[in-house]
């Protein structure tokens, strides 16, 4: 499995989890004092960016863990 396939699987799982999780609306105040409601354009842009970074990081972590050689087994008797 290559990195693109791994990222696709992670992306699908995260998307499914987001759809299954009905979160209540939240209100945020930005640095400039602008109010942002979750589900708004700014919130969705930040969420998309954070999830994008997380997907790449998870794919790298999984790829690294899978690529590590297992413990060496001694063949000496």
N, C-alpha and C. Protein backbone atom coordinates (compact mmCIF):
# COMPACT_ATOMS: atom_id res chain seq x y z
N UNK A 1 0.85 -1.17 0.00
CA UNK A 1 0.00 0.00 0.00
C UNK A 1 0.90 1.24 0.00
N UNK A 2 0.64 2.14 -0.92
CA UNK A 2 1.47 3.34 -0.97
C UNK A 2 0.84 4.46 -0.11
N UNK A 3 1.56 5.57 -0.01
CA UNK A 3 1.15 6.66 0.87
C UNK A 3 -0.19 7.28 0.44
N UNK A 4 -0.42 7.39 -0.86
CA UNK A 4 -1.68 7.98 -1.35
C UNK A 4 -2.88 7.11 -0.94
N UNK A 5 -2.74 5.79 -1.05
CA UNK A 5 -3.82 4.89 -0.65
C UNK A 5 -4.07 4.98 0.85
N UNK A 6 -3.00 5.07 1.62
CA UNK A 6 -3.12 5.20 3.07
C UNK A 6 -3.82 6.51 3.44
N UNK A 7 -3.45 7.61 2.79
CA UNK A 7 -4.09 8.89 3.04
C UNK A 7 -5.57 8.84 2.68
N UNK A 8 -5.92 8.13 1.62
CA UNK A 8 -7.32 8.00 1.19
C UNK A 8 -8.13 7.26 2.25
N UNK A 9 -7.58 6.18 2.78
CA UNK A 9 -8.26 5.41 3.83
C UNK A 9 -8.46 6.28 5.07
N UNK A 10 -7.42 6.99 5.48
CA UNK A 10 -7.51 7.87 6.65
C UNK A 10 -8.55 8.96 6.41
N UNK A 11 -8.53 9.55 5.23
CA UNK A 11 -9.49 10.60 4.88
C UNK A 11 -10.92 10.09 4.94
N UNK A 12 -11.16 8.90 4.39
CA UNK A 12 -12.50 8.32 4.42
C UNK A 12 -12.97 8.06 5.84
N UNK A 13 -12.09 7.55 6.69
CA UNK A 13 -12.44 7.26 8.08
C UNK A 13 -12.75 8.54 8.86
N UNK A 14 -11.94 9.57 8.65
CA UNK A 14 -12.17 10.85 9.33
C UNK A 14 -13.47 11.48 8.87
N UNK A 15 -13.73 11.44 7.56
CA UNK A 15 -14.98 12.00 7.03
C UNK A 15 -16.20 11.27 7.61
N UNK A 16 -16.11 9.95 7.70
CA UNK A 16 -17.21 9.16 8.27
C UNK A 16 -17.42 9.51 9.74
N UNK A 17 -16.33 9.67 10.48
CA UNK A 17 -16.43 10.02 11.90
C UNK A 17 -17.04 11.40 12.08
N UNK A 18 -16.67 12.35 11.22
CA UNK A 18 -17.24 13.70 11.31
C UNK A 18 -18.74 13.68 11.03
N UNK A 19 -19.16 12.90 10.04
CA UNK A 19 -20.59 12.82 9.70
C UNK A 19 -21.38 12.15 10.82
N UNK A 20 -20.78 11.17 11.49
CA UNK A 20 -21.46 10.44 12.56
C UNK A 20 -21.54 11.26 13.85
N UNK A 21 -20.68 12.25 13.98
CA UNK A 21 -20.61 13.05 15.20
C UNK A 21 -21.39 14.35 15.00
N UNK A 22 -22.56 14.43 15.60
CA UNK A 22 -23.39 15.61 15.49
C UNK A 22 -23.03 16.57 16.62
N UNK A 23 -22.07 17.44 16.36
CA UNK A 23 -21.61 18.36 17.41
C UNK A 23 -22.53 19.56 17.51
N UNK A 24 -22.71 20.08 18.72
CA UNK A 24 -23.52 21.28 18.87
C UNK A 24 -22.80 22.49 18.27
N UNK A 25 -23.55 23.50 17.93
CA UNK A 25 -22.96 24.72 17.39
C UNK A 25 -22.14 25.41 18.47
N UNK A 26 -21.00 25.94 18.06
CA UNK A 26 -20.11 26.64 18.98
C UNK A 26 -19.84 28.03 18.44
N UNK A 27 -19.58 28.94 19.31
CA UNK A 27 -19.29 30.31 18.90
C UNK A 27 -17.88 30.65 19.33
N UNK A 28 -17.10 31.19 18.42
CA UNK A 28 -15.71 31.55 18.70
C UNK A 28 -15.50 33.03 18.43
N UNK A 29 -14.61 33.63 19.17
CA UNK A 29 -14.20 35.00 18.92
C UNK A 29 -12.78 34.94 18.34
N UNK A 30 -12.58 35.54 17.18
CA UNK A 30 -11.26 35.54 16.55
C UNK A 30 -10.42 36.66 17.15
N UNK A 31 -9.15 36.71 16.75
CA UNK A 31 -8.23 37.74 17.27
C UNK A 31 -8.75 39.15 17.00
N UNK A 32 -9.36 39.36 15.84
CA UNK A 32 -9.83 40.71 15.51
C UNK A 32 -11.21 41.01 16.08
N UNK A 33 -11.72 40.09 16.94
CA UNK A 33 -12.99 40.33 17.61
C UNK A 33 -14.21 39.88 16.80
N UNK A 34 -13.97 39.28 15.67
CA UNK A 34 -15.07 38.81 14.83
C UNK A 34 -15.64 37.51 15.40
N UNK A 35 -16.92 37.40 15.46
CA UNK A 35 -17.55 36.18 15.94
C UNK A 35 -17.68 35.16 14.82
N UNK A 36 -17.39 33.92 15.14
CA UNK A 36 -17.47 32.86 14.15
C UNK A 36 -18.30 31.72 14.74
N UNK A 37 -19.30 31.29 14.00
CA UNK A 37 -20.12 30.16 14.43
C UNK A 37 -19.61 28.92 13.71
N UNK A 38 -19.53 27.81 14.44
CA UNK A 38 -19.06 26.58 13.80
C UNK A 38 -20.03 26.26 12.67
N UNK A 39 -19.48 25.86 11.55
CA UNK A 39 -20.27 25.65 10.35
C UNK A 39 -20.16 26.83 9.40
N UNK A 40 -19.58 27.94 9.87
CA UNK A 40 -19.38 29.10 9.01
C UNK A 40 -18.16 28.90 8.12
N UNK A 41 -17.96 29.80 7.17
CA UNK A 41 -16.86 29.68 6.20
C UNK A 41 -15.49 29.65 6.86
N UNK A 42 -15.25 30.56 7.80
CA UNK A 42 -13.95 30.62 8.46
C UNK A 42 -13.70 29.36 9.27
N UNK A 43 -14.69 28.93 10.03
CA UNK A 43 -14.57 27.71 10.82
C UNK A 43 -14.29 26.51 9.93
N UNK A 44 -15.05 26.37 8.85
CA UNK A 44 -14.86 25.25 7.94
C UNK A 44 -13.48 25.27 7.28
N UNK A 45 -12.97 26.45 6.96
CA UNK A 45 -11.64 26.55 6.37
C UNK A 45 -10.57 26.09 7.36
N UNK A 46 -10.69 26.51 8.61
CA UNK A 46 -9.72 26.10 9.64
C UNK A 46 -9.83 24.59 9.88
N UNK A 47 -11.04 24.08 9.99
CA UNK A 47 -11.25 22.65 10.21
C UNK A 47 -10.65 21.84 9.05
N UNK A 48 -10.87 22.28 7.84
CA UNK A 48 -10.34 21.58 6.66
C UNK A 48 -8.82 21.56 6.68
N UNK A 49 -8.20 22.68 7.03
CA UNK A 49 -6.74 22.77 7.08
C UNK A 49 -6.16 21.89 8.18
N UNK A 50 -6.78 21.91 9.35
CA UNK A 50 -6.30 21.08 10.47
C UNK A 50 -6.42 19.60 10.12
N UNK A 51 -7.54 19.21 9.56
CA UNK A 51 -7.73 17.80 9.19
C UNK A 51 -6.77 17.38 8.08
N UNK A 52 -6.48 18.28 7.17
CA UNK A 52 -5.53 17.97 6.09
C UNK A 52 -4.14 17.68 6.66
N UNK A 53 -3.70 18.50 7.58
CA UNK A 53 -2.40 18.30 8.22
C UNK A 53 -2.41 17.00 9.02
N UNK A 54 -3.50 16.74 9.72
CA UNK A 54 -3.60 15.53 10.52
C UNK A 54 -3.57 14.27 9.65
N UNK A 55 -4.22 14.30 8.50
CA UNK A 55 -4.25 13.14 7.61
C UNK A 55 -2.85 12.80 7.12
N UNK A 56 -2.09 13.82 6.73
CA UNK A 56 -0.72 13.60 6.26
C UNK A 56 0.15 13.06 7.40
N UNK A 57 -0.01 13.65 8.58
CA UNK A 57 0.78 13.20 9.73
C UNK A 57 0.46 11.75 10.09
N UNK A 58 -0.81 11.40 10.10
CA UNK A 58 -1.19 10.02 10.42
C UNK A 58 -0.65 9.04 9.38
N UNK A 59 -0.71 9.41 8.12
CA UNK A 59 -0.18 8.54 7.06
C UNK A 59 1.31 8.34 7.24
N UNK A 60 2.03 9.42 7.57
CA UNK A 60 3.49 9.31 7.79
C UNK A 60 3.79 8.43 9.00
N UNK A 61 3.03 8.60 10.07
CA UNK A 61 3.25 7.81 11.29
C UNK A 61 3.00 6.33 11.01
N UNK A 62 1.88 6.03 10.37
CA UNK A 62 1.56 4.63 10.07
C UNK A 62 2.59 4.03 9.13
N UNK A 63 2.98 4.78 8.13
CA UNK A 63 3.99 4.29 7.18
C UNK A 63 5.31 4.00 7.88
N UNK A 64 5.71 4.87 8.80
CA UNK A 64 6.95 4.68 9.54
C UNK A 64 6.88 3.47 10.46
N UNK A 65 5.76 3.31 11.14
CA UNK A 65 5.59 2.18 12.06
C UNK A 65 5.60 0.86 11.29
N UNK A 66 4.93 0.81 10.17
CA UNK A 66 4.88 -0.40 9.37
C UNK A 66 6.23 -0.72 8.76
N UNK A 67 6.99 0.31 8.39
CA UNK A 67 8.27 0.12 7.73
C UNK A 67 9.38 -0.31 8.68
N UNK A 68 9.21 -0.10 9.99
CA UNK A 68 10.26 -0.45 10.95
C UNK A 68 10.44 -1.96 10.98
N UNK A 69 11.68 -2.40 10.95
CA UNK A 69 11.92 -3.85 11.03
C UNK A 69 11.52 -4.36 12.42
N UNK A 70 11.06 -5.58 12.46
CA UNK A 70 10.68 -6.18 13.73
C UNK A 70 11.95 -6.55 14.49
N UNK A 71 11.82 -6.86 15.74
CA UNK A 71 12.97 -7.21 16.57
C UNK A 71 13.71 -8.39 15.95
N UNK A 72 15.02 -8.32 16.02
CA UNK A 72 15.84 -9.40 15.44
C UNK A 72 15.75 -10.62 16.34
N UNK A 73 15.57 -11.75 15.69
CA UNK A 73 15.50 -13.02 16.42
C UNK A 73 16.85 -13.72 16.29
N UNK A 74 17.38 -14.10 17.39
CA UNK A 74 18.68 -14.75 17.39
C UNK A 74 18.55 -16.15 16.83
N UNK A 75 19.49 -16.53 15.93
CA UNK A 75 19.47 -17.87 15.35
C UNK A 75 20.52 -18.75 16.00
N UNK A 76 21.22 -18.22 17.01
CA UNK A 76 22.25 -18.99 17.71
C UNK A 76 21.59 -20.02 18.62
N UNK A 77 22.21 -21.19 18.69
CA UNK A 77 21.69 -22.24 19.57
C UNK A 77 22.65 -22.55 20.66
